[in-house]
Protein backbone atom coordinates (compact mmCIF):
# COMPACT_ATOMS: atom_id res chain seq x y z
CA MET A 1 -11.98 -13.49 3.91
CA THR A 2 -13.96 -14.11 7.06
CA GLY A 3 -17.50 -15.43 7.31
CA ALA A 4 -18.76 -12.60 9.54
CA LEU A 5 -19.94 -9.36 7.99
CA SER A 6 -18.05 -6.22 8.98
CA GLY A 7 -19.75 -2.90 9.63
CA ASP A 8 -18.89 -1.81 6.08
CA ASP A 9 -20.40 -5.02 4.68
CA LEU A 10 -23.58 -4.51 6.70
CA ALA A 11 -23.86 -0.90 5.51
CA ARG A 12 -23.40 -1.99 1.89
CA LEU A 13 -25.96 -4.77 2.34
CA ALA A 14 -28.46 -2.33 3.86
CA PHE A 15 -27.88 0.06 0.96
CA LEU A 16 -28.36 -2.72 -1.59
CA VAL A 17 -31.62 -3.77 0.09
CA LEU A 18 -32.79 -0.13 0.07
CA LEU A 19 -31.79 0.11 -3.58
CA LEU A 20 -33.80 -3.03 -4.33
CA VAL A 21 -36.84 -1.46 -2.65
CA VAL A 22 -36.37 1.71 -4.71
CA VAL A 23 -35.92 -0.25 -7.94
CA GLY A 24 -38.96 -2.38 -7.11
CA GLY A 25 -40.98 0.76 -6.32
CA ALA A 26 -39.85 2.35 -9.56
CA MET A 27 -40.88 -0.76 -11.48
CA LEU A 28 -44.30 -0.78 -9.80
CA PHE A 29 -44.65 2.91 -10.57
CA GLU A 30 -43.71 2.22 -14.19
CA LEU A 31 -46.16 -0.62 -14.50
CA SER A 32 -49.02 1.26 -12.85
CA GLY A 33 -49.19 3.75 -15.73
CA ARG A 34 -49.14 6.87 -13.51
CA GLY A 35 -46.77 9.78 -13.97
CA GLY A 36 -45.22 11.28 -17.04
CA ARG A 37 -43.51 8.84 -19.36
CA ALA A 38 -40.28 10.87 -19.59
CA LEU A 39 -40.08 11.31 -15.80
CA ARG A 40 -40.61 7.59 -15.25
CA ALA A 41 -37.90 6.72 -17.77
CA LEU A 42 -35.49 9.20 -16.17
CA VAL A 43 -36.08 7.80 -12.67
CA LEU A 44 -35.75 4.24 -13.91
CA TRP A 45 -32.44 4.98 -15.66
CA ALA A 46 -31.09 6.81 -12.58
CA VAL A 47 -31.99 3.88 -10.34
CA LEU A 48 -30.47 1.36 -12.74
CA ILE A 49 -27.22 3.33 -13.01
CA ALA A 50 -27.03 3.64 -9.22
CA ALA A 51 -27.69 -0.10 -8.86
CA LEU A 52 -24.93 -0.92 -11.33
CA ALA A 53 -22.48 1.39 -9.58
CA MET A 54 -23.23 -0.10 -6.16
CA GLY A 55 -23.10 -3.64 -7.54
CA HIS A 56 -19.70 -2.91 -9.06
CA ASP A 57 -18.42 -1.46 -5.76
CA TRP A 58 -19.74 -4.46 -3.83
CA TRP A 59 -18.19 -6.90 -6.32
CA GLN A 60 -14.82 -5.12 -6.19
CA THR A 61 -14.68 -5.22 -2.39
CA ARG A 62 -15.77 -8.88 -2.19
CA THR A 63 -13.38 -10.04 -4.92
CA ALA A 64 -10.42 -7.79 -4.08
CA PRO A 65 -7.20 -9.80 -4.22
CA ARG A 66 -5.67 -10.72 -0.88
CA GLN A 67 -2.09 -11.22 0.14
CA GLN A 68 -0.13 -14.27 -0.85
CA VAL A 69 2.23 -15.82 1.66
CA LEU A 70 5.15 -17.55 -0.04
CA GLU A 71 8.36 -19.35 0.96
CA ASP A 72 6.97 -20.62 4.30
CA GLY A 73 6.02 -17.11 5.37
CA ALA A 74 9.33 -15.51 4.42
CA ARG A 75 7.73 -13.51 1.58
CA ILE A 76 4.34 -11.82 1.60
CA GLU A 77 2.95 -10.19 -1.54
CA ILE A 78 0.15 -7.69 -1.01
CA PRO A 79 -1.72 -6.40 -4.09
CA LEU A 80 -2.89 -2.81 -4.35
CA GLY A 81 -6.44 -2.69 -3.04
CA ARG A 82 -9.42 -0.42 -2.73
CA GLY A 83 -8.75 3.27 -2.61
CA GLY A 84 -5.14 2.79 -3.72
CA HIS A 85 -4.07 1.27 -0.38
CA PHE A 86 -2.48 -2.04 0.53
CA HIS A 87 -4.70 -4.21 2.74
CA LEU A 88 -3.61 -7.31 4.58
CA GLU A 89 -5.33 -9.86 6.79
CA ALA A 90 -3.59 -11.09 9.91
CA ILE A 91 -4.76 -13.42 12.67
CA LEU A 92 -4.47 -11.76 16.07
CA ASN A 93 -5.04 -13.99 19.09
CA GLY A 94 -6.94 -16.38 16.80
CA THR A 95 -9.17 -13.67 15.26
CA PRO A 96 -8.87 -12.42 11.64
CA VAL A 97 -8.20 -8.67 11.46
CA ASP A 98 -8.00 -6.57 8.29
CA PHE A 99 -5.20 -4.01 8.26
CA MET A 100 -4.34 -1.14 6.00
CA VAL A 101 -0.56 -1.01 5.59
CA ASP A 102 0.53 2.49 6.62
CA THR A 103 4.22 3.35 6.37
CA GLY A 104 3.35 6.74 7.89
CA ALA A 105 2.09 5.13 11.10
CA THR A 106 4.66 4.65 13.83
CA SER A 107 3.12 1.53 15.30
CA VAL A 108 0.41 -1.07 14.90
CA ALA A 109 -2.80 0.83 15.62
CA LEU A 110 -5.94 -1.14 16.36
CA SER A 111 -9.43 0.21 15.97
CA ARG A 112 -11.64 -0.11 19.05
CA ASP A 113 -13.76 -2.75 17.27
CA ASP A 114 -10.73 -4.87 16.32
CA ALA A 115 -9.23 -4.53 19.81
CA GLN A 116 -12.46 -5.78 21.32
CA ALA A 117 -12.72 -8.60 18.74
CA ILE A 118 -9.27 -9.97 19.72
CA GLY A 119 -10.24 -10.08 23.37
CA LEU A 120 -8.99 -6.79 24.78
CA ASP A 121 -11.18 -5.24 27.48
CA LEU A 122 -11.59 -1.61 26.39
CA ASP A 123 -12.78 -0.56 29.84
CA ARG A 124 -9.46 -1.65 31.35
CA LEU A 125 -7.27 0.18 28.85
CA ASN A 126 -5.39 3.32 29.87
CA PHE A 127 -5.78 5.87 27.05
CA SER A 128 -2.89 7.99 28.30
CA GLY A 129 -0.91 8.25 25.06
CA VAL A 130 -1.44 10.62 22.15
CA ALA A 131 -1.07 10.06 18.42
CA VAL A 132 -1.06 12.77 15.80
CA THR A 133 -3.11 11.69 12.79
CA ALA A 134 -4.33 13.34 9.62
CA ASN A 135 -7.54 14.06 11.56
CA GLY A 136 -5.78 15.61 14.54
CA ARG A 137 -4.67 14.31 17.93
CA VAL A 138 -6.25 11.16 19.37
CA ALA A 139 -5.81 9.29 22.64
CA THR A 140 -4.08 5.89 22.52
CA ALA A 141 -3.73 2.98 24.90
CA PRO A 142 -0.67 0.71 24.77
CA VAL A 143 -1.40 -3.02 24.44
CA THR A 144 0.45 -6.23 23.70
CA ILE A 145 -0.94 -8.68 21.15
CA GLY A 146 -0.16 -12.22 22.31
CA GLU A 147 -0.05 -13.80 18.87
CA PHE A 148 0.21 -12.06 15.49
CA VAL A 149 0.05 -14.42 12.48
CA ILE A 150 0.37 -13.71 8.76
CA GLY A 151 0.37 -16.97 6.81
CA ASP A 152 3.09 -19.16 8.34
CA ALA A 153 4.86 -16.23 10.03
CA VAL A 154 4.06 -16.10 13.76
CA ASP A 155 5.12 -13.25 16.02
CA ARG A 156 4.45 -13.17 19.74
CA ASP A 157 4.00 -10.30 22.17
CA VAL A 158 3.64 -7.61 19.51
CA ARG A 159 3.33 -4.11 20.94
CA ALA A 160 0.51 -1.98 19.56
CA VAL A 161 -1.84 0.83 20.49
CA VAL A 162 -5.60 1.06 20.49
CA ILE A 163 -6.83 4.32 18.96
CA ASP A 164 -9.65 6.02 20.88
CA SER A 165 -11.51 7.23 17.79
CA ASP A 166 -13.69 5.94 14.97
CA LEU A 167 -10.73 4.51 13.08
CA PRO A 168 -12.30 2.54 10.19
CA ASP A 169 -9.31 0.24 9.61
CA SER A 170 -6.60 -0.99 11.90
CA LEU A 171 -3.20 0.18 10.70
CA LEU A 172 -0.09 -1.92 10.19
CA GLY A 173 2.63 0.60 10.93
CA MET A 174 6.40 0.74 11.01
CA SER A 175 6.90 -1.00 14.37
CA TYR A 176 5.71 -4.21 12.71
CA LEU A 177 7.08 -3.55 9.22
CA ARG A 178 10.58 -3.24 10.72
CA ARG A 179 10.40 -6.95 11.53
CA PHE A 180 10.96 -7.58 7.82
CA ALA A 181 14.41 -7.46 6.23
CA ARG A 182 12.97 -5.90 3.09
CA VAL A 183 9.87 -3.83 2.38
CA SER A 184 9.56 -2.90 -1.28
CA PHE A 185 7.12 -1.95 -4.00
CA GLU A 186 7.05 -3.83 -7.30
CA GLY A 187 4.42 -2.23 -9.49
CA ASP A 188 1.07 -2.76 -7.77
CA LEU A 189 2.54 -5.18 -5.21
CA LEU A 190 3.91 -4.48 -1.76
CA ILE A 191 6.54 -7.11 -0.93
CA LEU A 192 7.47 -7.99 2.66
CA GLU A 193 10.44 -10.35 3.08
CA ARG A 194 12.02 -11.77 6.23
């Protein structure tokens, strides 16, 4: 887990602050004695339930289990994560990047934000390729990632594409997964072995 807040974390934090303002306002409203008693109780319960739901979601995303790298990087175990997907953190050119493992993706696909974070100049990329996604066709730009690290496993000059869309997560596709001798599922674990 990195120290910097992602866009999703900032959005959640903003929502939680807004929720705190609403809860505080509801409490002030309750204490002021105005409004119908039943309406005040209903609003208070709705706000409390929403606060609990958001707190649970925030807790789940902050405490979601991460991958374990075993046997000097020869085995990586990735637990099932949020939304029923497998998420993995890799270090690209010295920068942590969160990936969603996608066996339906042909290659490593970086979001624009992640590409920029690892030092790629988006203005110099040639978005001449095309990828067909669940959301339709999107332009892609071929890139090479100098260093791709997961635990003790280090790969150099990894080919990838940058997706010219609002891709929320970078995708770890088959071009990288083929580097492993075995890719398997064991219950709620995805196992990658070299």
